[in-house]
Amino acid sequence: MRKAGLGVQIYATQDKITEHLPEQVNNPASNFRNLFELPVLFYGLYSAAAL
């Protein structure tokens, strides 16, 4: 952060982080978030269908 000259408040929320980080950093983070959401949705729908 010192090297880039950015303050801490720039990284306060997820939206601000994605605006300032380069694509090569943002894309893997988005993929990881999607990999987490899919099993949660699957098991939620599966549990609802089993009832």
C-alpha atoms as a PDB file:
ATOM      1  CA  MET A   1       0.000   0.000   0.000  1.00  0.00           C
ATOM      2  CA  ARG A   2       2.863   2.324   0.686  1.00  0.00           C
ATOM      3  CA  LYS A   3       4.340   1.578  -2.697  1.00  0.00           C
ATOM      4  CA  ALA A   4       1.051   2.365  -4.439  1.00  0.00           C
ATOM      5  CA  GLY A   5       0.465   5.422  -2.250  1.00  0.00           C
ATOM      6  CA  LEU A   6      -2.978   4.251  -1.108  1.00  0.00           C
ATOM      7  CA  GLY A   7      -4.539   4.692   2.314  1.00  0.00           C
ATOM      8  CA  VAL A   8      -6.316   2.104   4.436  1.00  0.00           C
ATOM      9  CA  GLN A   9      -9.778   3.600   3.888  1.00  0.00           C
ATOM     10  CA  ILE A  10      -9.635   2.688   0.208  1.00  0.00           C
ATOM     11  CA  TYR A  11      -9.907  -0.971   1.210  1.00  0.00           C
ATOM     12  CA  ALA A  12     -12.736  -0.521   3.750  1.00  0.00           C
ATOM     13  CA  THR A  13     -15.446  -2.342   1.755  1.00  0.00           C
ATOM     14  CA  GLN A  14     -15.529  -5.073  -0.875  1.00  0.00           C
ATOM     15  CA  ASP A  15     -16.739  -2.667  -3.568  1.00  0.00           C
ATOM     16  CA  LYS A  16     -13.841  -0.318  -2.971  1.00  0.00           C
ATOM     17  CA  ILE A  17     -11.378  -3.191  -3.015  1.00  0.00           C
ATOM     18  CA  THR A  18     -12.530  -4.425  -6.421  1.00  0.00           C
ATOM     19  CA  GLU A  19     -12.247  -0.913  -7.855  1.00  0.00           C
ATOM     20  CA  HIS A  20      -8.599  -0.538  -6.878  1.00  0.00           C
ATOM     21  CA  LEU A  21      -7.117  -4.018  -7.275  1.00  0.00           C
ATOM     22  CA  PRO A  22      -5.921  -5.165 -10.695  1.00  0.00           C
ATOM     23  CA  GLU A  23      -7.913  -7.756 -12.667  1.00  0.00           C
ATOM     24  CA  GLN A  24      -5.304 -10.471 -12.089  1.00  0.00           C
ATOM     25  CA  VAL A  25      -6.102 -10.231  -8.377  1.00  0.00           C
ATOM     26  CA  ASN A  26      -9.866  -9.659  -8.616  1.00  0.00           C
ATOM     27  CA  ASN A  27     -10.741 -12.586 -10.870  1.00  0.00           C
ATOM     28  CA  PRO A  28      -9.405 -15.366  -8.609  1.00  0.00           C
ATOM     29  CA  ALA A  29     -11.177 -13.776  -5.638  1.00  0.00           C
ATOM     30  CA  SER A  30     -14.462 -13.746  -7.538  1.00  0.00           C
ATOM     31  CA  ASN A  31     -13.988 -17.360  -8.577  1.00  0.00           C
ATOM     32  CA  PHE A  32     -13.379 -18.410  -4.986  1.00  0.00           C
ATOM     33  CA  ARG A  33     -16.503 -16.579  -3.859  1.00  0.00           C
ATOM     34  CA  ASN A  34     -18.535 -18.365  -6.559  1.00  0.00           C
ATOM     35  CA  LEU A  35     -17.106 -21.748  -5.572  1.00  0.00           C
ATOM     36  CA  PHE A  36     -18.290 -21.135  -2.029  1.00  0.00           C
ATOM     37  CA  GLU A  37     -21.800 -20.044  -3.031  1.00  0.00           C
ATOM     38  CA  LEU A  38     -22.636 -22.980  -5.291  1.00  0.00           C
ATOM     39  CA  PRO A  39     -22.460 -25.773  -2.668  1.00  0.00           C
ATOM     40  CA  VAL A  40     -24.427 -23.641  -0.208  1.00  0.00           C
ATOM     41  CA  LEU A  41     -27.182 -23.130  -2.764  1.00  0.00           C
ATOM     42  CA  PHE A  42     -27.140 -26.797  -3.778  1.00  0.00           C
ATOM     43  CA  TYR A  43     -27.492 -28.130  -0.244  1.00  0.00           C
ATOM     44  CA  GLY A  44     -30.110 -25.513   0.593  1.00  0.00           C
ATOM     45  CA  LEU A  45     -32.246 -26.493  -2.391  1.00  0.00           C
ATOM     46  CA  TYR A  46     -31.646 -30.188  -1.741  1.00  0.00           C
ATOM     47  CA  SER A  47     -32.739 -29.825   1.891  1.00  0.00           C
ATOM     48  CA  ALA A  48     -35.855 -27.896   0.875  1.00  0.00           C
ATOM     49  CA  ALA A  49     -36.768 -30.544  -1.724  1.00  0.00           C
ATOM     50  CA  ALA A  50     -36.290 -33.354   0.802  1.00  0.00           C
ATOM     51  CA  LEU A  51     -38.921 -31.846   3.087  1.00  0.00           C
END
